[in-house]
Every structure is written in C-alpha cells, then in structure tokens.
Amino acid sequence: MEKELITQVISQGIFCSLFVWLLWDTRKEAREREKKLNNLIDKFADKFNIVEDIKDKVDNIENHIFKNK
C-alpha cells in the first residue's frame, strides 16, 4: 500500500512540477507584457496631451481671427 502511494506521488510530482513551472513562466510573461503596454499607454497619453494643446491654440487663433472681422 505504501509503495503504491509513493509511486503515485512520484509520478504525479513530475506533472505538478511542470504545472508550477508553466504557471510561473506564464505569469512572468504576462507581467512583462503588462509593463510594455503601460509604457505604450503613457507614450500615447503624452502625445494626446500635445494634440490637445495644439487644438486649444488653433481654437484661440480662430477666435481671434473671427473676432476681429
């Protein structure tokens, strides 16, 4: 009985180790991907702020031009 139990634990231990490694590797990749995506979002936010500033300046110029007509 004990021999069978030990045999089962050893045979399942390999799959358990493989599962843990695969889970750890997947989480590591997800963490790296998330960092890259956050950096990309930050860059887009900076660019969007620049576009908003340009839009505001154009609106001010339009108001100034049409106001003086």
PDB file of N, CA and C in Angstrom:
ATOM      1  N   MET A   1       0.826  -1.194   0.000  1.00  0.00           N
ATOM      2  CA  MET A   1       0.000   0.000   0.000  1.00  0.00           C
ATOM      3  C   MET A   1       0.874   1.262   0.000  1.00  0.00           C
ATOM      4  N   GLU A   2       1.852   1.310   0.878  1.00  0.00           N
ATOM      5  CA  GLU A   2       2.727   2.469   0.957  1.00  0.00           C
ATOM      6  C   GLU A   2       3.546   2.614  -0.325  1.00  0.00           C
ATOM      7  N   LYS A   3       3.935   1.501  -0.874  1.00  0.00           N
ATOM      8  CA  LYS A   3       4.734   1.516  -2.094  1.00  0.00           C
ATOM      9  C   LYS A   3       3.928   2.123  -3.244  1.00  0.00           C
ATOM     10  N   GLU A   4       2.663   1.770  -3.345  1.00  0.00           N
ATOM     11  CA  GLU A   4       1.794   2.302  -4.390  1.00  0.00           C
ATOM     12  C   GLU A   4       1.597   3.812  -4.206  1.00  0.00           C
ATOM     13  N   LEU A   5       1.421   4.230  -2.978  1.00  0.00           N
ATOM     14  CA  LEU A   5       1.233   5.648  -2.675  1.00  0.00           C
ATOM     15  C   LEU A   5       2.479   6.446  -3.059  1.00  0.00           C
ATOM     16  N   ILE A   6       3.632   5.950  -2.698  1.00  0.00           N
ATOM     17  CA  ILE A   6       4.890   6.624  -3.034  1.00  0.00           C
ATOM     18  C   ILE A   6       5.063   6.680  -4.551  1.00  0.00           C
ATOM     19  N   THR A   7       4.737   5.609  -5.235  1.00  0.00           N
ATOM     20  CA  THR A   7       4.844   5.575  -6.690  1.00  0.00           C
ATOM     21  C   THR A   7       3.923   6.614  -7.326  1.00  0.00           C
ATOM     22  N   GLN A   8       2.712   6.730  -6.828  1.00  0.00           N
ATOM     23  CA  GLN A   8       1.761   7.716  -7.356  1.00  0.00           C
ATOM     24  C   GLN A   8       2.251   9.142  -7.110  1.00  0.00           C
ATOM     25  N   VAL A   9       2.762   9.395  -5.911  1.00  0.00           N
ATOM     26  CA  VAL A   9       3.257  10.740  -5.589  1.00  0.00           C
ATOM     27  C   VAL A   9       4.431  11.102  -6.494  1.00  0.00           C
ATOM     28  N   ILE A  10       5.332  10.183  -6.703  1.00  0.00           N
ATOM     29  CA  ILE A  10       6.498  10.448  -7.550  1.00  0.00           C
ATOM     30  C   ILE A  10       6.058  10.692  -8.992  1.00  0.00           C
ATOM     31  N   SER A  11       5.156   9.869  -9.493  1.00  0.00           N
ATOM     32  CA  SER A  11       4.725  10.029 -10.890  1.00  0.00           C
ATOM     33  C   SER A  11       3.928  11.320 -11.076  1.00  0.00           C
ATOM     34  N   GLN A  12       3.133  11.718 -10.121  1.00  0.00           N
ATOM     35  CA  GLN A  12       2.368  12.965 -10.220  1.00  0.00           C
ATOM     36  C   GLN A  12       3.234  14.171  -9.906  1.00  0.00           C
ATOM     37  N   GLY A  13       4.315  13.967  -9.185  1.00  0.00           N
ATOM     38  CA  GLY A  13       5.208  15.062  -8.838  1.00  0.00           C
ATOM     39  C   GLY A  13       5.821  15.720 -10.065  1.00  0.00           C
ATOM     40  N   ILE A  14       6.112  14.918 -11.069  1.00  0.00           N
ATOM     41  CA  ILE A  14       6.669  15.456 -12.304  1.00  0.00           C
ATOM     42  C   ILE A  14       5.670  16.394 -12.965  1.00  0.00           C
ATOM     43  N   PHE A  15       4.428  15.984 -13.046  1.00  0.00           N
ATOM     44  CA  PHE A  15       3.398  16.821 -13.657  1.00  0.00           C
ATOM     45  C   PHE A  15       3.110  18.064 -12.820  1.00  0.00           C
ATOM     46  N   CYS A  16       3.179  17.894 -11.514  1.00  0.00           N
ATOM     47  CA  CYS A  16       2.985  19.035 -10.622  1.00  0.00           C
ATOM     48  C   CYS A  16       4.100  20.052 -10.829  1.00  0.00           C
ATOM     49  N   SER A  17       5.317  19.578 -10.916  1.00  0.00           N
ATOM     50  CA  SER A  17       6.450  20.481 -11.151  1.00  0.00           C
ATOM     51  C   SER A  17       6.307  21.186 -12.491  1.00  0.00           C
ATOM     52  N   LEU A  18       5.901  20.447 -13.508  1.00  0.00           N
ATOM     53  CA  LEU A  18       5.697  21.035 -14.823  1.00  0.00           C
ATOM     54  C   LEU A  18       4.600  22.099 -14.782  1.00  0.00           C
ATOM     55  N   PHE A  19       3.521  21.818 -14.076  1.00  0.00           N
ATOM     56  CA  PHE A  19       2.430  22.775 -13.957  1.00  0.00           C
ATOM     57  C   PHE A  19       2.889  24.054 -13.253  1.00  0.00           C
ATOM     58  N   VAL A  20       3.623  23.907 -12.172  1.00  0.00           N
ATOM     59  CA  VAL A  20       4.098  25.074 -11.424  1.00  0.00           C
ATOM     60  C   VAL A  20       5.035  25.905 -12.286  1.00  0.00           C
ATOM     61  N   TRP A  21       5.956  25.238 -12.994  1.00  0.00           N
ATOM     62  CA  TRP A  21       6.873  25.969 -13.877  1.00  0.00           C
ATOM     63  C   TRP A  21       6.104  26.710 -14.975  1.00  0.00           C
ATOM     64  N   LEU A  22       5.141  26.048 -15.589  1.00  0.00           N
ATOM     65  CA  LEU A  22       4.351  26.664 -16.661  1.00  0.00           C
ATOM     66  C   LEU A  22       3.552  27.846 -16.134  1.00  0.00           C
ATOM     67  N   LEU A  23       2.969  27.706 -14.968  1.00  0.00           N
ATOM     68  CA  LEU A  23       2.222  28.801 -14.350  1.00  0.00           C
ATOM     69  C   LEU A  23       3.150  29.979 -14.055  1.00  0.00           C
ATOM     70  N   TRP A  24       4.302  29.714 -13.483  1.00  0.00           N
ATOM     71  CA  TRP A  24       5.270  30.775 -13.171  1.00  0.00           C
ATOM     72  C   TRP A  24       5.739  31.474 -14.439  1.00  0.00           C
ATOM     73  N   ASP A  25       6.055  30.713 -15.483  1.00  0.00           N
ATOM     74  CA  ASP A  25       6.536  31.277 -16.744  1.00  0.00           C
ATOM     75  C   ASP A  25       5.453  32.139 -17.403  1.00  0.00           C
ATOM     76  N   THR A  26       4.230  31.678 -17.369  1.00  0.00           N
ATOM     77  CA  THR A  26       3.118  32.429 -17.958  1.00  0.00           C
ATOM     78  C   THR A  26       2.897  33.734 -17.214  1.00  0.00           C
ATOM     79  N   ARG A  27       2.945  33.696 -15.905  1.00  0.00           N
ATOM     80  CA  ARG A  27       2.768  34.919 -15.107  1.00  0.00           C
ATOM     81  C   ARG A  27       3.903  35.911 -15.369  1.00  0.00           C
ATOM     82  N   LYS A  28       5.117  35.398 -15.527  1.00  0.00           N
ATOM     83  CA  LYS A  28       6.271  36.254 -15.810  1.00  0.00           C
ATOM     84  C   LYS A  28       6.086  36.957 -17.153  1.00  0.00           C
ATOM     85  N   GLU A  29       5.666  36.225 -18.167  1.00  0.00           N
ATOM     86  CA  GLU A  29       5.433  36.814 -19.486  1.00  0.00           C
ATOM     87  C   GLU A  29       4.311  37.844 -19.429  1.00  0.00           C
ATOM     88  N   ALA A  30       3.268  37.544 -18.677  1.00  0.00           N
ATOM     89  CA  ALA A  30       2.142  38.478 -18.558  1.00  0.00           C
ATOM     90  C   ALA A  30       2.595  39.771 -17.876  1.00  0.00           C
ATOM     91  N   ARG A  31       3.438  39.652 -16.867  1.00  0.00           N
ATOM     92  CA  ARG A  31       3.955  40.829 -16.173  1.00  0.00           C
ATOM     93  C   ARG A  31       4.771  41.705 -17.123  1.00  0.00           C
ATOM     94  N   GLU A  32       5.633  41.073 -17.916  1.00  0.00           N
ATOM     95  CA  GLU A  32       6.453  41.815 -18.875  1.00  0.00           C
ATOM     96  C   GLU A  32       5.580  42.493 -19.937  1.00  0.00           C
ATOM     97  N   ARG A  33       4.578  41.773 -20.424  1.00  0.00           N
ATOM     98  CA  ARG A  33       3.667  42.329 -21.423  1.00  0.00           C
ATOM     99  C   ARG A  33       2.899  43.514 -20.850  1.00  0.00           C
ATOM    100  N   GLU A  34       2.486  43.404 -19.603  1.00  0.00           N
ATOM    101  CA  GLU A  34       1.751  44.489 -18.967  1.00  0.00           C
ATOM    102  C   GLU A  34       2.615  45.744 -18.828  1.00  0.00           C
ATOM    103  N   LYS A  35       3.883  45.560 -18.483  1.00  0.00           N
ATOM    104  CA  LYS A  35       4.797  46.703 -18.381  1.00  0.00           C
ATOM    105  C   LYS A  35       4.944  47.396 -19.730  1.00  0.00           C
ATOM    106  N   LYS A  36       5.105  46.606 -20.791  1.00  0.00           N
ATOM    107  CA  LYS A  36       5.236  47.183 -22.126  1.00  0.00           C
ATOM    108  C   LYS A  36       3.969  47.947 -22.514  1.00  0.00           C
ATOM    109  N   LEU A  37       2.820  47.371 -22.234  1.00  0.00           N
ATOM    110  CA  LEU A  37       1.561  48.032 -22.583  1.00  0.00           C
ATOM    111  C   LEU A  37       1.370  49.321 -21.786  1.00  0.00           C
ATOM    112  N   ASN A  38       1.753  49.308 -20.517  1.00  0.00           N
ATOM    113  CA  ASN A  38       1.636  50.525 -19.713  1.00  0.00           C
ATOM    114  C   ASN A  38       2.557  51.618 -20.236  1.00  0.00           C
ATOM    115  N   ASN A  39       3.763  51.243 -20.656  1.00  0.00           N
ATOM    116  CA  ASN A  39       4.672  52.226 -21.246  1.00  0.00           C
ATOM    117  C   ASN A  39       4.084  52.802 -22.528  1.00  0.00           C
ATOM    118  N   LEU A  40       3.482  51.951 -23.349  1.00  0.00           N
ATOM    119  CA  LEU A  40       2.873  52.404 -24.591  1.00  0.00           C
ATOM    120  C   LEU A  40       1.703  53.350 -24.314  1.00  0.00           C
ATOM    121  N   ILE A  41       0.894  53.029 -23.335  1.00  0.00           N
ATOM    122  CA  ILE A  41      -0.236  53.886 -22.970  1.00  0.00           C
ATOM    123  C   ILE A  41       0.264  55.240 -22.474  1.00  0.00           C
ATOM    124  N   ASP A  42       1.328  55.231 -21.685  1.00  0.00           N
ATOM    125  CA  ASP A  42       1.897  56.501 -21.212  1.00  0.00           C
ATOM    126  C   ASP A  42       2.395  57.361 -22.372  1.00  0.00           C
ATOM    127  N   LYS A  43       3.037  56.726 -23.347  1.00  0.00           N
ATOM    128  CA  LYS A  43       3.514  57.476 -24.517  1.00  0.00           C
ATOM    129  C   LYS A  43       2.342  58.061 -25.299  1.00  0.00           C
ATOM    130  N   PHE A  44       1.281  57.273 -25.485  1.00  0.00           N
ATOM    131  CA  PHE A  44       0.098  57.773 -26.192  1.00  0.00           C
ATOM    132  C   PHE A  44      -0.546  58.923 -25.429  1.00  0.00           C
ATOM    133  N   ALA A  45      -0.576  58.835 -24.117  1.00  0.00           N
ATOM    134  CA  ALA A  45      -1.160  59.909 -23.308  1.00  0.00           C
ATOM    135  C   ALA A  45      -0.368  61.194 -23.486  1.00  0.00           C
ATOM    136  N   ASP A  46       0.954  61.092 -23.519  1.00  0.00           N
ATOM    137  CA  ASP A  46       1.791  62.277 -23.742  1.00  0.00           C
ATOM    138  C   ASP A  46       1.514  62.886 -25.111  1.00  0.00           C
ATOM    139  N   LYS A  47       1.417  62.049 -26.129  1.00  0.00           N
ATOM    140  CA  LYS A  47       1.135  62.541 -27.483  1.00  0.00           C
ATOM    141  C   LYS A  47      -0.244  63.179 -27.546  1.00  0.00           C
ATOM    142  N   PHE A  48      -1.206  62.581 -26.871  1.00  0.00           N
ATOM    143  CA  PHE A  48      -2.558  63.119 -26.868  1.00  0.00           C
ATOM    144  C   PHE A  48      -2.593  64.493 -26.206  1.00  0.00           C
ATOM    145  N   ASN A  49      -1.824  64.666 -25.144  1.00  0.00           N
ATOM    146  CA  ASN A  49      -1.760  65.973 -24.486  1.00  0.00           C
ATOM    147  C   ASN A  49      -1.195  67.028 -25.424  1.00  0.00           C
ATOM    148  N   ILE A  50      -0.210  66.645 -26.221  1.00  0.00           N
ATOM    149  CA  ILE A  50       0.362  67.588 -27.187  1.00  0.00           C
ATOM    150  C   ILE A  50      -0.692  67.978 -28.216  1.00  0.00           C
ATOM    151  N   VAL A  51      -1.451  66.995 -28.696  1.00  0.00           N
ATOM    152  CA  VAL A  51      -2.500  67.273 -29.682  1.00  0.00           C
ATOM    153  C   VAL A  51      -3.577  68.175 -29.070  1.00  0.00           C
ATOM    154  N   GLU A  52      -3.928  67.931 -27.833  1.00  0.00           N
ATOM    155  CA  GLU A  52      -4.913  68.792 -27.167  1.00  0.00           C
ATOM    156  C   GLU A  52      -4.408  70.229 -27.062  1.00  0.00           C
ATOM    157  N   ASP A  53      -3.137  70.401 -26.740  1.00  0.00           N
ATOM    158  CA  ASP A  53      -2.557  71.745 -26.654  1.00  0.00           C
ATOM    159  C   ASP A  53      -2.608  72.446 -28.009  1.00  0.00           C
ATOM    160  N   ILE A  54      -2.286  71.724 -29.058  1.00  0.00           N
ATOM    161  CA  ILE A  54      -2.333  72.306 -30.405  1.00  0.00           C
ATOM    162  C   ILE A  54      -3.759  72.690 -30.753  1.00  0.00           C
ATOM    163  N   LYS A  55      -4.720  71.851 -30.419  1.00  0.00           N
ATOM    164  CA  LYS A  55      -6.136  72.148 -30.695  1.00  0.00           C
ATOM    165  C   LYS A  55      -6.565  73.415 -29.966  1.00  0.00           C
ATOM    166  N   ASP A  56      -6.173  73.545 -28.723  1.00  0.00           N
ATOM    167  CA  ASP A  56      -6.516  74.751 -27.963  1.00  0.00           C
ATOM    168  C   ASP A  56      -5.921  76.001 -28.605  1.00  0.00           C
ATOM    169  N   LYS A  57      -4.687  75.895 -29.065  1.00  0.00           N
ATOM    170  CA  LYS A  57      -4.038  77.037 -29.702  1.00  0.00           C
ATOM    171  C   LYS A  57      -4.735  77.402 -31.010  1.00  0.00           C
ATOM    172  N   VAL A  58      -5.119  76.404 -31.780  1.00  0.00           N
ATOM    173  CA  VAL A  58      -5.840  76.661 -33.029  1.00  0.00           C
ATOM    174  C   VAL A  58      -7.191  77.297 -32.728  1.00  0.00           C
ATOM    175  N   ASP A  59      -7.872  76.819 -31.720  1.00  0.00           N
ATOM    176  CA  ASP A  59      -9.156  77.424 -31.330  1.00  0.00           C
ATOM    177  C   ASP A  59      -8.971  78.882 -30.938  1.00  0.00           C
ATOM    178  N   ASN A  60      -7.916  79.172 -30.206  1.00  0.00           N
ATOM    179  CA  ASN A  60      -7.643  80.562 -29.811  1.00  0.00           C
ATOM    180  C   ASN A  60      -7.371  81.430 -31.036  1.00  0.00           C
ATOM    181  N   ILE A  61      -6.616  80.909 -31.981  1.00  0.00           N
ATOM    182  CA  ILE A  61      -6.329  81.667 -33.205  1.00  0.00           C
ATOM    183  C   ILE A  61      -7.609  81.907 -33.993  1.00  0.00           C
ATOM    184  N   GLU A  62      -8.454  80.875 -34.119  1.00  0.00           N
ATOM    185  CA  GLU A  62      -9.733  81.037 -34.830  1.00  0.00           C
ATOM    186  C   GLU A  62     -10.590  82.096 -34.156  1.00  0.00           C
ATOM    187  N   ASN A  63     -10.674  82.047 -32.853  1.00  0.00           N
ATOM    188  CA  ASN A  63     -11.480  83.033 -32.124  1.00  0.00           C
ATOM    189  C   ASN A  63     -10.932  84.439 -32.338  1.00  0.00           C
ATOM    190  N   HIS A  64      -9.639  84.555 -32.330  1.00  0.00           N
ATOM    191  CA  HIS A  64      -9.019  85.864 -32.529  1.00  0.00           C
ATOM    192  C   HIS A  64      -9.282  86.381 -33.951  1.00  0.00           C
ATOM    193  N   ILE A  65      -9.179  85.508 -34.949  1.00  0.00           N
ATOM    194  CA  ILE A  65      -9.391  85.910 -36.344  1.00  0.00           C
ATOM    195  C   ILE A  65     -10.844  86.303 -36.576  1.00  0.00           C
ATOM    196  N   PHE A  66     -11.774  85.466 -36.144  1.00  0.00           N
ATOM    197  CA  PHE A  66     -13.183  85.741 -36.394  1.00  0.00           C
ATOM    198  C   PHE A  66     -13.707  86.876 -35.530  1.00  0.00           C
ATOM    199  N   LYS A  67     -13.081  87.106 -34.421  1.00  0.00           N
ATOM    200  CA  LYS A  67     -13.479  88.194 -33.535  1.00  0.00           C
ATOM    201  C   LYS A  67     -13.128  89.551 -34.158  1.00  0.00           C
ATOM    202  N   ASN A  68     -12.027  89.601 -34.877  1.00  0.00           N
ATOM    203  CA  ASN A  68     -11.565  90.850 -35.475  1.00  0.00           C
ATOM    204  C   ASN A  68     -12.236  91.153 -36.815  1.00  0.00           C
ATOM    205  N   LYS A  69     -13.015  90.268 -37.367  1.00  0.00           N
ATOM    206  CA  LYS A  69     -13.672  90.515 -38.653  1.00  0.00           C
ATOM    207  C   LYS A  69     -14.818  91.453 -38.521  1.00  0.00           C
TER     208      LYS A  69
END
